[in-house]
PDB file of all heavy atoms in Angstrom:
ATOM      1  N   LYS A   1       0.807  -1.215   0.000  1.00  0.00           N
ATOM      2  CA  LYS A   1       0.000   0.000   0.000  1.00  0.00           C
ATOM      3  C   LYS A   1       0.841   1.266   0.000  1.00  0.00           C
ATOM      4  O   LYS A   1       0.338   2.352  -0.295  1.00  0.00           O
ATOM      5  CB  LYS A   1      -0.922   0.023   1.218  1.00  0.00           C
ATOM      6  CG  LYS A   1      -2.019  -1.027   1.208  1.00  0.00           C
ATOM      7  CD  LYS A   1      -2.911  -0.871   2.430  1.00  0.00           C
ATOM      8  CE  LYS A   1      -4.031  -1.903   2.422  1.00  0.00           C
ATOM      9  NZ  LYS A   1      -4.896  -1.766   3.641  1.00  0.00           N
ATOM     10  N   ASN A   2       2.109   1.139   0.354  1.00  0.00           N
ATOM     11  CA  ASN A   2       2.958   2.320   0.490  1.00  0.00           C
ATOM     12  C   ASN A   2       3.371   2.870  -0.876  1.00  0.00           C
ATOM     13  O   ASN A   2       3.934   2.156  -1.694  1.00  0.00           O
ATOM     14  CB  ASN A   2       4.206   1.982   1.298  1.00  0.00           C
ATOM     15  CG  ASN A   2       5.067   3.208   1.537  1.00  0.00           C
ATOM     16  OD1 ASN A   2       4.555   4.273   1.885  1.00  0.00           O
ATOM     17  ND2 ASN A   2       6.357   3.062   1.329  1.00  0.00           N
ATOM     18  N   LEU A   3       3.092   4.141  -1.099  1.00  0.00           N
ATOM     19  CA  LEU A   3       3.492   4.801  -2.345  1.00  0.00           C
ATOM     20  C   LEU A   3       4.478   5.936  -2.094  1.00  0.00           C
ATOM     21  O   LEU A   3       4.840   6.653  -3.025  1.00  0.00           O
ATOM     22  CB  LEU A   3       2.253   5.342  -3.074  1.00  0.00           C
ATOM     23  CG  LEU A   3       1.318   4.301  -3.687  1.00  0.00           C
ATOM     24  CD1 LEU A   3       0.050   4.963  -4.221  1.00  0.00           C
ATOM     25  CD2 LEU A   3       2.009   3.530  -4.802  1.00  0.00           C
ATOM     26  N   ASN A   4       4.930   6.106  -0.863  1.00  0.00           N
ATOM     27  CA  ASN A   4       5.876   7.174  -0.553  1.00  0.00           C
ATOM     28  C   ASN A   4       7.108   7.092  -1.457  1.00  0.00           C
ATOM     29  O   ASN A   4       7.792   6.071  -1.494  1.00  0.00           O
ATOM     30  CB  ASN A   4       6.343   7.081   0.901  1.00  0.00           C
ATOM     31  CG  ASN A   4       5.305   7.566   1.879  1.00  0.00           C
ATOM     32  OD1 ASN A   4       4.125   7.626   1.548  1.00  0.00           O
ATOM     33  ND2 ASN A   4       5.728   7.895   3.095  1.00  0.00           N
ATOM     34  N   GLY A   5       7.388   8.161  -2.182  1.00  0.00           N
ATOM     35  CA  GLY A   5       8.583   8.230  -3.005  1.00  0.00           C
ATOM     36  C   GLY A   5       8.564   7.383  -4.255  1.00  0.00           C
ATOM     37  O   GLY A   5       9.538   7.371  -5.015  1.00  0.00           O
ATOM     38  N   CYS A   6       7.481   6.653  -4.481  1.00  0.00           N
ATOM     39  CA  CYS A   6       7.421   5.749  -5.641  1.00  0.00           C
ATOM     40  C   CYS A   6       7.177   6.515  -6.939  1.00  0.00           C
ATOM     41  O   CYS A   6       6.640   7.625  -6.944  1.00  0.00           O
ATOM     42  CB  CYS A   6       6.312   4.725  -5.453  1.00  0.00           C
ATOM     43  SG  CYS A   6       6.626   3.542  -4.144  1.00  0.00           S
ATOM     44  N   THR A   7       7.566   5.897  -8.031  1.00  0.00           N
ATOM     45  CA  THR A   7       7.162   6.332  -9.368  1.00  0.00           C
ATOM     46  C   THR A   7       6.168   5.299  -9.875  1.00  0.00           C
ATOM     47  O   THR A   7       6.456   4.100  -9.854  1.00  0.00           O
ATOM     48  CB  THR A   7       8.362   6.422 -10.324  1.00  0.00           C
ATOM     49  OG1 THR A   7       9.338   7.320  -9.791  1.00  0.00           O
ATOM     50  CG2 THR A   7       7.926   6.907 -11.705  1.00  0.00           C
ATOM     51  N   GLU A   8       5.010   5.749 -10.308  1.00  0.00           N
ATOM     52  CA  GLU A   8       3.966   4.830 -10.769  1.00  0.00           C
ATOM     53  C   GLU A   8       3.632   5.119 -12.228  1.00  0.00           C
ATOM     54  O   GLU A   8       3.337   6.264 -12.586  1.00  0.00           O
ATOM     55  CB  GLU A   8       2.721   4.946  -9.902  1.00  0.00           C
ATOM     56  CG  GLU A   8       1.690   3.871 -10.190  1.00  0.00           C
ATOM     57  CD  GLU A   8       0.577   3.825  -9.153  1.00  0.00           C
ATOM     58  OE1 GLU A   8       0.326   4.865  -8.500  1.00  0.00           O
ATOM     59  OE2 GLU A   8      -0.045   2.767  -9.004  1.00  0.00           O
ATOM     60  N   PHE A   9       3.694   4.079 -13.053  1.00  0.00           N
ATOM     61  CA  PHE A   9       3.377   4.170 -14.471  1.00  0.00           C
ATOM     62  C   PHE A   9       1.986   3.601 -14.712  1.00  0.00           C
ATOM     63  O   PHE A   9       1.618   2.572 -14.145  1.00  0.00           O
ATOM     64  CB  PHE A   9       4.402   3.397 -15.305  1.00  0.00           C
ATOM     65  CG  PHE A   9       5.790   3.962 -15.234  1.00  0.00           C
ATOM     66  CD1 PHE A   9       6.679   3.528 -14.251  1.00  0.00           C
ATOM     67  CD2 PHE A   9       6.213   4.922 -16.128  1.00  0.00           C
ATOM     68  CE1 PHE A   9       7.961   4.042 -14.172  1.00  0.00           C
ATOM     69  CE2 PHE A   9       7.491   5.441 -16.070  1.00  0.00           C
ATOM     70  CZ  PHE A   9       8.376   5.007 -15.085  1.00  0.00           C
ATOM     71  N   ILE A  10       1.235   4.257 -15.580  1.00  0.00           N
ATOM     72  CA  ILE A  10      -0.138   3.857 -15.876  1.00  0.00           C
ATOM     73  C   ILE A  10      -0.163   3.271 -17.284  1.00  0.00           C
ATOM     74  O   ILE A  10      -0.012   3.996 -18.271  1.00  0.00           O
ATOM     75  CB  ILE A  10      -1.098   5.057 -15.772  1.00  0.00           C
ATOM     76  CG1 ILE A  10      -0.988   5.691 -14.376  1.00  0.00           C
ATOM     77  CG2 ILE A  10      -2.534   4.645 -16.069  1.00  0.00           C
ATOM     78  CD1 ILE A  10      -1.563   7.081 -14.286  1.00  0.00           C
ATOM     79  N   ASP A  11      -0.305   1.963 -17.367  1.00  0.00           N
ATOM     80  CA  ASP A  11      -0.268   1.266 -18.651  1.00  0.00           C
ATOM     81  C   ASP A  11      -1.682   1.214 -19.230  1.00  0.00           C
ATOM     82  O   ASP A  11      -2.494   0.370 -18.865  1.00  0.00           O
ATOM     83  CB  ASP A  11       0.293  -0.143 -18.461  1.00  0.00           C
ATOM     84  CG  ASP A  11       0.525  -0.858 -19.779  1.00  0.00           C
ATOM     85  OD1 ASP A  11       0.037  -0.356 -20.812  1.00  0.00           O
ATOM     86  OD2 ASP A  11       1.193  -1.900 -19.772  1.00  0.00           O
ATOM     87  N   ASN A  12      -1.971   2.130 -20.146  1.00  0.00           N
ATOM     88  CA  ASN A  12      -3.319   2.227 -20.710  1.00  0.00           C
ATOM     89  C   ASN A  12      -3.699   1.043 -21.587  1.00  0.00           C
ATOM     90  O   ASN A  12      -4.883   0.760 -21.772  1.00  0.00           O
ATOM     91  CB  ASN A  12      -3.455   3.513 -21.516  1.00  0.00           C
ATOM     92  CG  ASN A  12      -3.470   4.740 -20.631  1.00  0.00           C
ATOM     93  OD1 ASN A  12      -3.988   4.711 -19.527  1.00  0.00           O
ATOM     94  ND2 ASN A  12      -2.872   5.826 -21.097  1.00  0.00           N
ATOM     95  N   PHE A  13      -2.698   0.349 -22.151  1.00  0.00           N
ATOM     96  CA  PHE A  13      -3.008  -0.771 -23.037  1.00  0.00           C
ATOM     97  C   PHE A  13      -3.453  -1.999 -22.264  1.00  0.00           C
ATOM     98  O   PHE A  13      -4.301  -2.757 -22.716  1.00  0.00           O
ATOM     99  CB  PHE A  13      -1.797  -1.110 -23.901  1.00  0.00           C
ATOM    100  CG  PHE A  13      -1.486  -0.065 -24.926  1.00  0.00           C
ATOM    101  CD1 PHE A  13      -0.325   0.695 -24.849  1.00  0.00           C
ATOM    102  CD2 PHE A  13      -2.365   0.187 -25.965  1.00  0.00           C
ATOM    103  CE1 PHE A  13      -0.050   1.673 -25.789  1.00  0.00           C
ATOM    104  CE2 PHE A  13      -2.090   1.162 -26.917  1.00  0.00           C
ATOM    105  CZ  PHE A  13      -0.921   1.901 -26.825  1.00  0.00           C
ATOM    106  N   PHE A  14      -2.856  -2.198 -21.092  1.00  0.00           N
ATOM    107  CA  PHE A  14      -3.176  -3.395 -20.320  1.00  0.00           C
ATOM    108  C   PHE A  14      -3.973  -3.069 -19.056  1.00  0.00           C
ATOM    109  O   PHE A  14      -4.207  -3.932 -18.224  1.00  0.00           O
ATOM    110  CB  PHE A  14      -1.883  -4.138 -19.946  1.00  0.00           C
ATOM    111  CG  PHE A  14      -1.158  -4.672 -21.144  1.00  0.00           C
ATOM    112  CD1 PHE A  14      -0.052  -4.004 -21.663  1.00  0.00           C
ATOM    113  CD2 PHE A  14      -1.586  -5.821 -21.791  1.00  0.00           C
ATOM    114  CE1 PHE A  14       0.616  -4.484 -22.778  1.00  0.00           C
ATOM    115  CE2 PHE A  14      -0.916  -6.305 -22.902  1.00  0.00           C
ATOM    116  CZ  PHE A  14       0.178  -5.637 -23.396  1.00  0.00           C
ATOM    117  N   TYR A  15      -4.374  -1.811 -18.930  1.00  0.00           N
ATOM    118  CA  TYR A  15      -5.223  -1.380 -17.820  1.00  0.00           C
ATOM    119  C   TYR A  15      -4.642  -1.788 -16.468  1.00  0.00           C
ATOM    120  O   TYR A  15      -5.337  -2.334 -15.609  1.00  0.00           O
ATOM    121  CB  TYR A  15      -6.641  -1.939 -17.981  1.00  0.00           C
ATOM    122  CG  TYR A  15      -7.257  -1.568 -19.303  1.00  0.00           C
ATOM    123  CD1 TYR A  15      -7.339  -2.500 -20.333  1.00  0.00           C
ATOM    124  CD2 TYR A  15      -7.740  -0.283 -19.539  1.00  0.00           C
ATOM    125  CE1 TYR A  15      -7.880  -2.157 -21.569  1.00  0.00           C
ATOM    126  CE2 TYR A  15      -8.281   0.071 -20.766  1.00  0.00           C
ATOM    127  CZ  TYR A  15      -8.351  -0.870 -21.773  1.00  0.00           C
ATOM    128  OH  TYR A  15      -8.873  -0.531 -22.988  1.00  0.00           O
ATOM    129  N   SER A  16      -3.374  -1.528 -16.294  1.00  0.00           N
ATOM    130  CA  SER A  16      -2.721  -1.843 -15.030  1.00  0.00           C
ATOM    131  C   SER A  16      -1.680  -0.780 -14.717  1.00  0.00           C
ATOM    132  O   SER A  16      -1.190  -0.092 -15.616  1.00  0.00           O
ATOM    133  CB  SER A  16      -2.053  -3.218 -15.086  1.00  0.00           C
ATOM    134  OG  SER A  16      -1.023  -3.220 -16.054  1.00  0.00           O
ATOM    135  N   ASN A  17      -1.357  -0.644 -13.443  1.00  0.00           N
ATOM    136  CA  ASN A  17      -0.335   0.293 -13.011  1.00  0.00           C
ATOM    137  C   ASN A  17       0.924  -0.466 -12.610  1.00  0.00           C
ATOM    138  O   ASN A  17       0.851  -1.565 -12.056  1.00  0.00           O
ATOM    139  CB  ASN A  17      -0.836   1.133 -11.838  1.00  0.00           C
ATOM    140  CG  ASN A  17      -1.920   2.105 -12.253  1.00  0.00           C
ATOM    141  OD1 ASN A  17      -2.342   2.129 -13.404  1.00  0.00           O
ATOM    142  ND2 ASN A  17      -2.369   2.912 -11.314  1.00  0.00           N
ATOM    143  N   ILE A  18       2.072   0.130 -12.876  1.00  0.00           N
ATOM    144  CA  ILE A  18       3.351  -0.477 -12.535  1.00  0.00           C
ATOM    145  C   ILE A  18       4.042   0.444 -11.536  1.00  0.00           C
ATOM    146  O   ILE A  18       4.391   1.579 -11.863  1.00  0.00           O
ATOM    147  CB  ILE A  18       4.223  -0.667 -13.792  1.00  0.00           C
ATOM    148  CG1 ILE A  18       3.515  -1.603 -14.772  1.00  0.00           C
ATOM    149  CG2 ILE A  18       5.598  -1.213 -13.417  1.00  0.00           C
ATOM    150  CD1 ILE A  18       4.088  -1.577 -16.164  1.00  0.00           C
ATOM    151  N   LYS A  19       4.210  -0.046 -10.313  1.00  0.00           N
ATOM    152  CA  LYS A  19       4.815   0.755  -9.252  1.00  0.00           C
ATOM    153  C   LYS A  19       6.298   0.447  -9.153  1.00  0.00           C
ATOM    154  O   LYS A  19       6.692  -0.702  -9.007  1.00  0.00           O
ATOM    155  CB  LYS A  19       4.133   0.463  -7.909  1.00  0.00           C
ATOM    156  CG  LYS A  19       4.677   1.292  -6.759  1.00  0.00           C
ATOM    157  CD  LYS A  19       3.984   0.961  -5.447  1.00  0.00           C
ATOM    158  CE  LYS A  19       4.470  -0.340  -4.874  1.00  0.00           C
ATOM    159  NZ  LYS A  19       3.955  -0.593  -3.512  1.00  0.00           N
ATOM    160  N   VAL A  20       7.125   1.491  -9.238  1.00  0.00           N
ATOM    161  CA  VAL A  20       8.555   1.351  -9.018  1.00  0.00           C
ATOM    162  C   VAL A  20       8.843   1.860  -7.609  1.00  0.00           C
ATOM    163  O   VAL A  20       8.669   3.047  -7.313  1.00  0.00           O
ATOM    164  CB  VAL A  20       9.371   2.149 -10.052  1.00  0.00           C
ATOM    165  CG1 VAL A  20      10.863   2.053  -9.747  1.00  0.00           C
ATOM    166  CG2 VAL A  20       9.085   1.654 -11.465  1.00  0.00           C
ATOM    167  N   ALA A  21       9.246   0.959  -6.720  1.00  0.00           N
ATOM    168  CA  ALA A  21       9.540   1.324  -5.338  1.00  0.00           C
ATOM    169  C   ALA A  21      10.927   1.960  -5.278  1.00  0.00           C
ATOM    170  O   ALA A  21      11.944   1.279  -5.180  1.00  0.00           O
ATOM    171  CB  ALA A  21       9.464   0.097  -4.440  1.00  0.00           C
ATOM    172  N   VAL A  22      10.954   3.261  -5.374  1.00  0.00           N
ATOM    173  CA  VAL A  22      12.216   4.007  -5.448  1.00  0.00           C
ATOM    174  C   VAL A  22      12.788   4.193  -4.041  1.00  0.00           C
ATOM    175  O   VAL A  22      12.126   4.731  -3.154  1.00  0.00           O
ATOM    176  CB  VAL A  22      11.991   5.378  -6.113  1.00  0.00           C
ATOM    177  CG1 VAL A  22      13.275   6.198  -6.099  1.00  0.00           C
ATOM    178  CG2 VAL A  22      11.473   5.196  -7.536  1.00  0.00           C
ATOM    179  N   ASP A  23      14.036   3.740  -3.835  1.00  0.00           N
ATOM    180  CA  ASP A  23      14.743   4.019  -2.593  1.00  0.00           C
ATOM    181  C   ASP A  23      16.242   3.960  -2.870  1.00  0.00           C
ATOM    182  O   ASP A  23      16.657   3.986  -4.034  1.00  0.00           O
ATOM    183  CB  ASP A  23      14.302   3.086  -1.473  1.00  0.00           C
ATOM    184  CG  ASP A  23      14.759   1.638  -1.654  1.00  0.00           C
ATOM    185  OD1 ASP A  23      15.349   1.313  -2.710  1.00  0.00           O
ATOM    186  OD2 ASP A  23      14.526   0.838  -0.730  1.00  0.00           O
ATOM    187  N   LYS A  24      17.056   3.891  -1.808  1.00  0.00           N
ATOM    188  CA  LYS A  24      18.509   3.918  -1.990  1.00  0.00           C
ATOM    189  C   LYS A  24      19.005   2.833  -2.947  1.00  0.00           C
ATOM    190  O   LYS A  24      19.970   3.034  -3.686  1.00  0.00           O
ATOM    191  CB  LYS A  24      19.210   3.766  -0.638  1.00  0.00           C
ATOM    192  CG  LYS A  24      19.118   4.984   0.267  1.00  0.00           C
ATOM    193  CD  LYS A  24      19.898   4.763   1.554  1.00  0.00           C
ATOM    194  CE  LYS A  24      19.770   5.949   2.506  1.00  0.00           C
ATOM    195  NZ  LYS A  24      20.383   7.166   1.961  1.00  0.00           N
ATOM    196  N   SER A  25      18.334   1.687  -2.939  1.00  0.00           N
ATOM    197  CA  SER A  25      18.768   0.575  -3.799  1.00  0.00           C
ATOM    198  C   SER A  25      18.544   0.865  -5.284  1.00  0.00           C
ATOM    199  O   SER A  25      19.071   0.154  -6.137  1.00  0.00           O
ATOM    200  CB  SER A  25      18.032  -0.711  -3.411  1.00  0.00           C
ATOM    201  OG  SER A  25      16.642  -0.614  -3.696  1.00  0.00           O
ATOM    202  N   THR A  26      17.770   1.914  -5.588  1.00  0.00           N
ATOM    203  CA  THR A  26      17.471   2.267  -6.982  1.00  0.00           C
ATOM    204  C   THR A  26      18.550   3.169  -7.580  1.00  0.00           C
ATOM    205  O   THR A  26      18.577   3.371  -8.794  1.00  0.00           O
ATOM    206  CB  THR A  26      16.102   2.972  -7.063  1.00  0.00           C
ATOM    207  OG1 THR A  26      15.189   2.355  -6.177  1.00  0.00           O
ATOM    208  CG2 THR A  26      15.518   2.889  -8.471  1.00  0.00           C
ATOM    209  N   GLU A  27      19.419   3.724  -6.740  1.00  0.00           N
ATOM    210  CA  GLU A  27      20.463   4.614  -7.234  1.00  0.00           C
ATOM    211  C   GLU A  27      21.323   3.921  -8.288  1.00  0.00           C
ATOM    212  O   GLU A  27      21.704   2.761  -8.127  1.00  0.00           O
ATOM    213  CB  GLU A  27      21.348   5.088  -6.081  1.00  0.00           C
ATOM    214  CG  GLU A  27      20.644   6.004  -5.107  1.00  0.00           C
ATOM    215  CD  GLU A  27      21.519   6.444  -3.957  1.00  0.00           C
ATOM    216  OE1 GLU A  27      22.679   5.964  -3.862  1.00  0.00           O
ATOM    217  OE2 GLU A  27      21.059   7.261  -3.138  1.00  0.00           O
ATOM    218  N   GLY A  28      21.599   4.621  -9.371  1.00  0.00           N
ATOM    219  CA  GLY A  28      22.400   4.054 -10.451  1.00  0.00           C
ATOM    220  C   GLY A  28      21.605   3.262 -11.460  1.00  0.00           C
ATOM    221  O   GLY A  28      22.184   2.671 -12.377  1.00  0.00           O
ATOM    222  N   SER A  29      20.276   3.252 -11.304  1.00  0.00           N
ATOM    223  CA  SER A  29      19.411   2.559 -12.268  1.00  0.00           C
ATOM    224  C   SER A  29      18.746   3.568 -13.196  1.00  0.00           C
ATOM    225  O   SER A  29      18.478   4.705 -12.812  1.00  0.00           O
ATOM    226  CB  SER A  29      18.329   1.751 -11.545  1.00  0.00           C
ATOM    227  OG  SER A  29      18.894   0.690 -10.812  1.00  0.00           O
ATOM    228  N   CYS A  30      18.479   3.113 -14.399  1.00  0.00           N
ATOM    229  CA  CYS A  30      17.786   3.928 -15.400  1.00  0.00           C
ATOM    230  C   CYS A  30      16.530   3.185 -15.823  1.00  0.00           C
ATOM    231  O   CYS A  30      16.576   1.980 -16.097  1.00  0.00           O
ATOM    232  CB  CYS A  30      18.697   4.161 -16.602  1.00  0.00           C
ATOM    233  SG  CYS A  30      17.918   5.026 -17.987  1.00  0.00           S
ATOM    234  N   PHE A  31      15.414   3.895 -15.863  1.00  0.00           N
ATOM    235  CA  PHE A  31      14.164   3.313 -16.341  1.00  0.00           C
ATOM    236  C   PHE A  31      13.809   3.966 -17.674  1.00  0.00           C
ATOM    237  O   PHE A  31      13.721   5.189 -17.776  1.00  0.00           O
ATOM    238  CB  PHE A  31      13.049   3.509 -15.311  1.00  0.00           C
ATOM    239  CG  PHE A  31      13.176   2.589 -14.141  1.00  0.00           C
ATOM    240  CD1 PHE A  31      14.068   2.873 -13.110  1.00  0.00           C
ATOM    241  CD2 PHE A  31      12.449   1.409 -14.078  1.00  0.00           C
ATOM    242  CE1 PHE A  31      14.208   2.012 -12.034  1.00  0.00           C
ATOM    243  CE2 PHE A  31      12.584   0.543 -13.007  1.00  0.00           C
ATOM    244  CZ  PHE A  31      13.466   0.842 -11.982  1.00  0.00           C
ATOM    245  N   LEU A  32      13.646   3.127 -18.681  1.00  0.00           N
ATOM    246  CA  LEU A  32      13.339   3.550 -20.045  1.00  0.00           C
ATOM    247  C   LEU A  32      11.907   3.151 -20.363  1.00  0.00           C
ATOM    248  O   LEU A  32      11.498   2.025 -20.079  1.00  0.00           O
ATOM    249  CB  LEU A  32      14.306   2.877 -21.017  1.00  0.00           C
ATOM    250  CG  LEU A  32      14.142   3.153 -22.509  1.00  0.00           C
ATOM    251  CD1 LEU A  32      14.528   4.591 -22.849  1.00  0.00           C
ATOM    252  CD2 LEU A  32      15.006   2.170 -23.317  1.00  0.00           C
ATOM    253  N   PHE A  33      11.144   4.068 -20.977  1.00  0.00           N
ATOM    254  CA  PHE A  33       9.730   3.773 -21.226  1.00  0.00           C
ATOM    255  C   PHE A  33       9.227   4.581 -22.414  1.00  0.00           C
ATOM    256  O   PHE A  33       9.792   5.635 -22.752  1.00  0.00           O
ATOM    257  CB  PHE A  33       8.892   4.084 -19.974  1.00  0.00           C
ATOM    258  CG  PHE A  33       9.065   5.483 -19.443  1.00  0.00           C
ATOM    259  CD1 PHE A  33       8.201   6.496 -19.790  1.00  0.00           C
ATOM    260  CD2 PHE A  33      10.103   5.769 -18.565  1.00  0.00           C
ATOM    261  CE1 PHE A  33       8.356   7.785 -19.298  1.00  0.00           C
ATOM    262  CE2 PHE A  33      10.276   7.052 -18.056  1.00  0.00           C
ATOM    263  CZ  PHE A  33       9.397   8.059 -18.426  1.00  0.00           C
ATOM    264  N   PRO A  34       8.150   4.099 -23.069  1.00  0.00           N
ATOM    265  CA  PRO A  34       7.549   4.886 -24.148  1.00  0.00           C
ATOM    266  C   PRO A  34       7.077   6.238 -23.610  1.00  0.00           C
ATOM    267  O   PRO A  34       6.474   6.305 -22.525  1.00  0.00           O
ATOM    268  CB  PRO A  34       6.368   4.018 -24.599  1.00  0.00           C
ATOM    269  CG  PRO A  34       6.735   2.626 -24.188  1.00  0.00           C
ATOM    270  CD  PRO A  34       7.483   2.782 -22.907  1.00  0.00           C
ATOM    271  N   ALA A  35       7.354   7.285 -24.346  1.00  0.00           N
ATOM    272  CA  ALA A  35       7.118   8.640 -23.841  1.00  0.00           C
ATOM    273  C   ALA A  35       5.646   8.930 -23.571  1.00  0.00           C
ATOM    274  O   ALA A  35       5.325   9.839 -22.798  1.00  0.00           O
ATOM    275  CB  ALA A  35       7.680   9.656 -24.837  1.00  0.00           C
ATOM    276  N   TRP A  36       4.756   8.164 -24.199  1.00  0.00           N
ATOM    277  CA  TRP A  36       3.328   8.432 -24.041  1.00  0.00           C
ATOM    278  C   TRP A  36       2.724   7.740 -22.810  1.00  0.00           C
ATOM    279  O   TRP A  36       1.535   7.895 -22.542  1.00  0.00           O
ATOM    280  CB  TRP A  36       2.565   7.984 -25.284  1.00  0.00           C
ATOM    281  CG  TRP A  36       2.768   6.538 -25.626  1.00  0.00           C
ATOM    282  CD1 TRP A  36       2.144   5.450 -25.086  1.00  0.00           C
ATOM    283  CD2 TRP A  36       3.698   6.015 -26.584  1.00  0.00           C
ATOM    284  NE1 TRP A  36       2.608   4.294 -25.641  1.00  0.00           N
ATOM    285  CE2 TRP A  36       3.561   4.601 -26.566  1.00  0.00           C
ATOM    286  CE3 TRP A  36       4.616   6.601 -27.460  1.00  0.00           C
ATOM    287  CZ2 TRP A  36       4.319   3.780 -27.384  1.00  0.00           C
ATOM    288  CZ3 TRP A  36       5.376   5.781 -28.267  1.00  0.00           C
ATOM    289  CH2 TRP A  36       5.222   4.386 -28.235  1.00  0.00           C
ATOM    290  N   VAL A  37       3.520   6.977 -22.061  1.00  0.00           N
ATOM    291  CA  VAL A  37       2.995   6.292 -20.883  1.00  0.00           C
ATOM    292  C   VAL A  37       2.849   7.294 -19.731  1.00  0.00           C
ATOM    293  O   VAL A  37       3.841   7.869 -19.272  1.00  0.00           O
ATOM    294  CB  VAL A  37       3.918   5.138 -20.452  1.00  0.00           C
ATOM    295  CG1 VAL A  37       3.419   4.512 -19.152  1.00  0.00           C
ATOM    296  CG2 VAL A  37       3.998   4.080 -21.548  1.00  0.00           C
ATOM    297  N   PRO A  38       1.631   7.521 -19.235  1.00  0.00           N
ATOM    298  CA  PRO A  38       1.451   8.456 -18.119  1.00  0.00           C
ATOM    299  C   PRO A  38       2.134   7.920 -16.854  1.00  0.00           C
ATOM    300  O   PRO A  38       2.153   6.713 -16.609  1.00  0.00           O
ATOM    301  CB  PRO A  38      -0.075   8.515 -17.931  1.00  0.00           C
ATOM    302  CG  PRO A  38      -0.653   7.962 -19.209  1.00  0.00           C
ATOM    303  CD  PRO A  38       0.345   6.967 -19.707  1.00  0.00           C
ATOM    304  N   HIS A  39       2.683   8.821 -16.073  1.00  0.00           N
ATOM    305  CA  HIS A  39       3.319   8.415 -14.820  1.00  0.00           C
ATOM    306  C   HIS A  39       3.257   9.546 -13.811  1.00  0.00           C
ATOM    307  O   HIS A  39       3.053  10.707 -14.160  1.00  0.00           O
ATOM    308  CB  HIS A  39       4.764   7.959 -15.055  1.00  0.00           C
ATOM    309  CG  HIS A  39       5.613   8.941 -15.799  1.00  0.00           C
ATOM    310  ND1 HIS A  39       5.461   9.174 -17.153  1.00  0.00           N
ATOM    311  CD2 HIS A  39       6.614   9.764 -15.386  1.00  0.00           C
ATOM    312  CE1 HIS A  39       6.337  10.093 -17.543  1.00  0.00           C
ATOM    313  NE2 HIS A  39       7.041  10.476 -16.488  1.00  0.00           N
ATOM    314  N   VAL A  40       3.422   9.172 -12.552  1.00  0.00           N
ATOM    315  CA  VAL A  40       3.340  10.116 -11.442  1.00  0.00           C
ATOM    316  C   VAL A  40       4.475   9.799 -10.473  1.00  0.00           C
ATOM    317  O   VAL A  40       4.849   8.638 -10.301  1.00  0.00           O
ATOM    318  CB  VAL A  40       1.959  10.028 -10.751  1.00  0.00           C
ATOM    319  CG1 VAL A  40       1.675   8.622 -10.269  1.00  0.00           C
ATOM    320  CG2 VAL A  40       1.858  11.000  -9.584  1.00  0.00           C
TER     321      VAL A  40
END
C-alpha cells in the first residue's frame, strides 16, 4: 500500500499500473519507457 517516493506508471493498453519502489537501492538505475505512458 505504500506509495511514498514511488514512481507509478499507468499502462493504458493493459489497464494496469506499474509501481517502481524508489529508494537507496534504486540509485544508479535507469528506467526507459515509451514517452506516451502516463506516470506520477
